[in-house]
Amino acid sequence: MILGFLLKLARLVVQGVLNTIKNQVNMVLSAVTQPLQAIVSQVTNGAWKGDGAVRFVEEMQTQVLPALQNLGMGFTNTGSMITRAMDTIYRADTTASRIANGLGDLFGGIFH
């Protein structure tokens, strides 16, 4: 019973931490990505011309910006995996408690 309560409490704490981390990661990625996208837009609108400009835009669009998106998805996926692990632990505890209570009832019925 106490373990179940502690698991619920831990789950709430971990979920709060995960939400905070997710919000911070999104904020940082946005702070980095938006200026880069603005620069790419300026270059494609003629602020910089030539082969270097074309290569810059291409690299930003095919390498840098997708890498930043992948980084954000990595944090999201890690958070999801942690949440699933907590769910599994909680279900295992609930099942084990139910089995232990059933055995307690069985033995209690035998010895009374």
C-alpha atoms as a PDB file:
ATOM      1  CA  MET A   1       0.000   0.000   0.000  1.00  0.00           C
ATOM      2  CA  ILE A   2       2.733   2.448   0.989  1.00  0.00           C
ATOM      3  CA  LEU A   3       4.847   1.377  -1.988  1.00  0.00           C
ATOM      4  CA  GLY A   4       1.920   2.079  -4.317  1.00  0.00           C
ATOM      5  CA  PHE A   5       1.566   5.562  -2.828  1.00  0.00           C
ATOM      6  CA  LEU A   6       5.292   6.201  -3.197  1.00  0.00           C
ATOM      7  CA  LEU A   7       5.199   5.021  -6.807  1.00  0.00           C
ATOM      8  CA  LYS A   8       2.298   7.400  -7.540  1.00  0.00           C
ATOM      9  CA  LEU A   9       4.173  10.249  -5.885  1.00  0.00           C
ATOM     10  CA  ALA A  10       7.378   9.453  -7.769  1.00  0.00           C
ATOM     11  CA  ARG A  11       5.417   9.269 -11.009  1.00  0.00           C
ATOM     12  CA  LEU A  12       3.980  12.760 -10.438  1.00  0.00           C
ATOM     13  CA  VAL A  13       7.418  14.170  -9.635  1.00  0.00           C
ATOM     14  CA  VAL A  14       9.068  12.540 -12.649  1.00  0.00           C
ATOM     15  CA  GLN A  15       6.242  13.676 -14.947  1.00  0.00           C
ATOM     16  CA  GLY A  16       6.653  17.229 -13.664  1.00  0.00           C
ATOM     17  CA  VAL A  17      10.394  17.117 -14.304  1.00  0.00           C
ATOM     18  CA  LEU A  18       9.842  15.679 -17.796  1.00  0.00           C
ATOM     19  CA  ASN A  19       7.362  18.444 -18.618  1.00  0.00           C
ATOM     20  CA  THR A  20       9.804  21.094 -17.410  1.00  0.00           C
ATOM     21  CA  ILE A  21      12.631  19.609 -19.478  1.00  0.00           C
ATOM     22  CA  LYS A  22      10.387  19.334 -22.541  1.00  0.00           C
ATOM     23  CA  ASN A  23       9.333  22.974 -22.225  1.00  0.00           C
ATOM     24  CA  GLN A  24      12.941  24.114 -21.815  1.00  0.00           C
ATOM     25  CA  VAL A  25      14.126  22.053 -24.790  1.00  0.00           C
ATOM     26  CA  ASN A  26      11.323  23.444 -26.954  1.00  0.00           C
ATOM     27  CA  MET A  27      12.186  26.977 -25.885  1.00  0.00           C
ATOM     28  CA  VAL A  28      15.901  26.529 -26.647  1.00  0.00           C
ATOM     29  CA  LEU A  29      15.248  24.821 -29.981  1.00  0.00           C
ATOM     30  CA  SER A  30      12.855  27.590 -30.966  1.00  0.00           C
ATOM     31  CA  ALA A  31      15.370  30.245 -29.926  1.00  0.00           C
ATOM     32  CA  VAL A  32      17.981  28.594 -32.148  1.00  0.00           C
ATOM     33  CA  THR A  33      15.798  27.475 -35.052  1.00  0.00           C
ATOM     34  CA  GLN A  34      13.812  30.661 -35.680  1.00  0.00           C
ATOM     35  CA  PRO A  35      16.848  32.916 -36.272  1.00  0.00           C
ATOM     36  CA  LEU A  36      18.428  30.279 -38.517  1.00  0.00           C
ATOM     37  CA  GLN A  37      15.239  30.028 -40.569  1.00  0.00           C
ATOM     38  CA  ALA A  38      15.145  33.827 -40.809  1.00  0.00           C
ATOM     39  CA  ILE A  39      18.719  33.879 -42.093  1.00  0.00           C
ATOM     40  CA  VAL A  40      17.913  31.191 -44.666  1.00  0.00           C
ATOM     41  CA  SER A  41      14.919  33.245 -45.759  1.00  0.00           C
ATOM     42  CA  GLN A  42      17.056  36.367 -46.140  1.00  0.00           C
ATOM     43  CA  VAL A  43      19.604  34.469 -48.204  1.00  0.00           C
ATOM     44  CA  THR A  44      16.950  32.950 -50.467  1.00  0.00           C
ATOM     45  CA  ASN A  45      15.450  36.434 -50.918  1.00  0.00           C
ATOM     46  CA  GLY A  46      18.747  37.704 -52.308  1.00  0.00           C
ATOM     47  CA  ALA A  47      20.705  38.976 -49.294  1.00  0.00           C
ATOM     48  CA  TRP A  48      23.552  36.739 -50.389  1.00  0.00           C
ATOM     49  CA  LYS A  49      24.032  35.453 -53.904  1.00  0.00           C
ATOM     50  CA  GLY A  50      26.261  32.934 -55.560  1.00  0.00           C
ATOM     51  CA  ASP A  51      27.379  29.363 -55.105  1.00  0.00           C
ATOM     52  CA  GLY A  52      28.214  29.898 -51.439  1.00  0.00           C
ATOM     53  CA  ALA A  53      24.705  31.148 -50.745  1.00  0.00           C
ATOM     54  CA  VAL A  54      23.163  28.167 -52.512  1.00  0.00           C
ATOM     55  CA  ARG A  55      25.365  25.749 -50.568  1.00  0.00           C
ATOM     56  CA  PHE A  56      24.624  27.535 -47.304  1.00  0.00           C
ATOM     57  CA  VAL A  57      20.857  27.323 -47.781  1.00  0.00           C
ATOM     58  CA  GLU A  58      21.097  23.706 -48.905  1.00  0.00           C
ATOM     59  CA  GLU A  59      23.175  22.708 -45.885  1.00  0.00           C
ATOM     60  CA  MET A  60      20.918  24.554 -43.474  1.00  0.00           C
ATOM     61  CA  GLN A  61      17.805  22.935 -44.944  1.00  0.00           C
ATOM     62  CA  THR A  62      19.197  19.414 -45.311  1.00  0.00           C
ATOM     63  CA  GLN A  63      21.562  19.169 -42.349  1.00  0.00           C
ATOM     64  CA  VAL A  64      21.343  21.779 -39.614  1.00  0.00           C
ATOM     65  CA  LEU A  65      17.587  22.369 -39.269  1.00  0.00           C
ATOM     66  CA  PRO A  66      16.688  18.655 -39.541  1.00  0.00           C
ATOM     67  CA  ALA A  67      19.368  17.851 -36.936  1.00  0.00           C
ATOM     68  CA  LEU A  68      17.767  20.340 -34.556  1.00  0.00           C
ATOM     69  CA  GLN A  69      14.348  18.772 -35.166  1.00  0.00           C
ATOM     70  CA  ASN A  70      15.816  15.313 -34.511  1.00  0.00           C
ATOM     71  CA  LEU A  71      17.323  16.572 -31.277  1.00  0.00           C
ATOM     72  CA  GLY A  72      13.922  17.764 -30.116  1.00  0.00           C
ATOM     73  CA  MET A  73      12.317  14.463 -31.099  1.00  0.00           C
ATOM     74  CA  GLY A  74      15.031  12.614 -29.192  1.00  0.00           C
ATOM     75  CA  PHE A  75      14.059  14.398 -25.992  1.00  0.00           C
ATOM     76  CA  THR A  76      10.370  13.769 -26.666  1.00  0.00           C
ATOM     77  CA  ASN A  77      10.984  10.069 -27.320  1.00  0.00           C
ATOM     78  CA  THR A  78      13.119   9.730 -24.194  1.00  0.00           C
ATOM     79  CA  GLY A  79      10.365  11.304 -22.126  1.00  0.00           C
ATOM     80  CA  SER A  80       7.818   8.923 -23.643  1.00  0.00           C
ATOM     81  CA  MET A  81      10.015   5.927 -22.857  1.00  0.00           C
ATOM     82  CA  ILE A  82      10.446   7.062 -19.250  1.00  0.00           C
ATOM     83  CA  THR A  83       6.672   7.487 -18.939  1.00  0.00           C
ATOM     84  CA  ARG A  84       6.095   3.986 -20.354  1.00  0.00           C
ATOM     85  CA  ALA A  85       8.654   2.561 -17.930  1.00  0.00           C
ATOM     86  CA  MET A  86       6.881   4.225 -15.015  1.00  0.00           C
ATOM     87  CA  ASP A  87       3.558   2.831 -16.248  1.00  0.00           C
ATOM     88  CA  THR A  88       5.074  -0.660 -16.416  1.00  0.00           C
ATOM     89  CA  ILE A  89       6.464  -0.387 -12.889  1.00  0.00           C
ATOM     90  CA  TYR A  90       3.111   0.832 -11.578  1.00  0.00           C
ATOM     91  CA  ARG A  91       1.215  -1.999 -13.308  1.00  0.00           C
ATOM     92  CA  ALA A  92       3.699  -4.564 -11.995  1.00  0.00           C
ATOM     93  CA  ASP A  93       3.319  -3.232  -8.454  1.00  0.00           C
ATOM     94  CA  THR A  94      -0.469  -3.285  -8.743  1.00  0.00           C
ATOM     95  CA  THR A  95      -0.443  -6.862 -10.056  1.00  0.00           C
ATOM     96  CA  ALA A  96       2.011  -8.036  -7.384  1.00  0.00           C
ATOM     97  CA  SER A  97      -0.099  -6.405  -4.649  1.00  0.00           C
ATOM     98  CA  ARG A  98      -3.253  -8.048  -5.981  1.00  0.00           C
ATOM     99  CA  ILE A  99      -1.559 -11.470  -6.060  1.00  0.00           C
ATOM    100  CA  ALA A 100      -0.113 -11.007  -2.561  1.00  0.00           C
ATOM    101  CA  ASN A 101      -3.505  -9.953  -1.194  1.00  0.00           C
ATOM    102  CA  GLY A 102      -5.115 -12.970  -2.867  1.00  0.00           C
ATOM    103  CA  LEU A 103      -2.561 -15.293  -1.289  1.00  0.00           C
ATOM    104  CA  GLY A 104      -3.082 -13.611   2.062  1.00  0.00           C
ATOM    105  CA  ASP A 105      -6.827 -14.184   1.787  1.00  0.00           C
ATOM    106  CA  LEU A 106      -6.282 -17.804   0.756  1.00  0.00           C
ATOM    107  CA  PHE A 107      -3.944 -18.562   3.659  1.00  0.00           C
ATOM    108  CA  GLY A 108      -6.139 -16.596   6.049  1.00  0.00           C
ATOM    109  CA  GLY A 109      -9.092 -18.771   5.039  1.00  0.00           C
ATOM    110  CA  ILE A 110      -7.106 -21.957   5.574  1.00  0.00           C
ATOM    111  CA  PHE A 111      -5.839 -21.111   9.026  1.00  0.00           C
ATOM    112  CA  HIS A 112      -9.028 -19.612  10.454  1.00  0.00           C
END
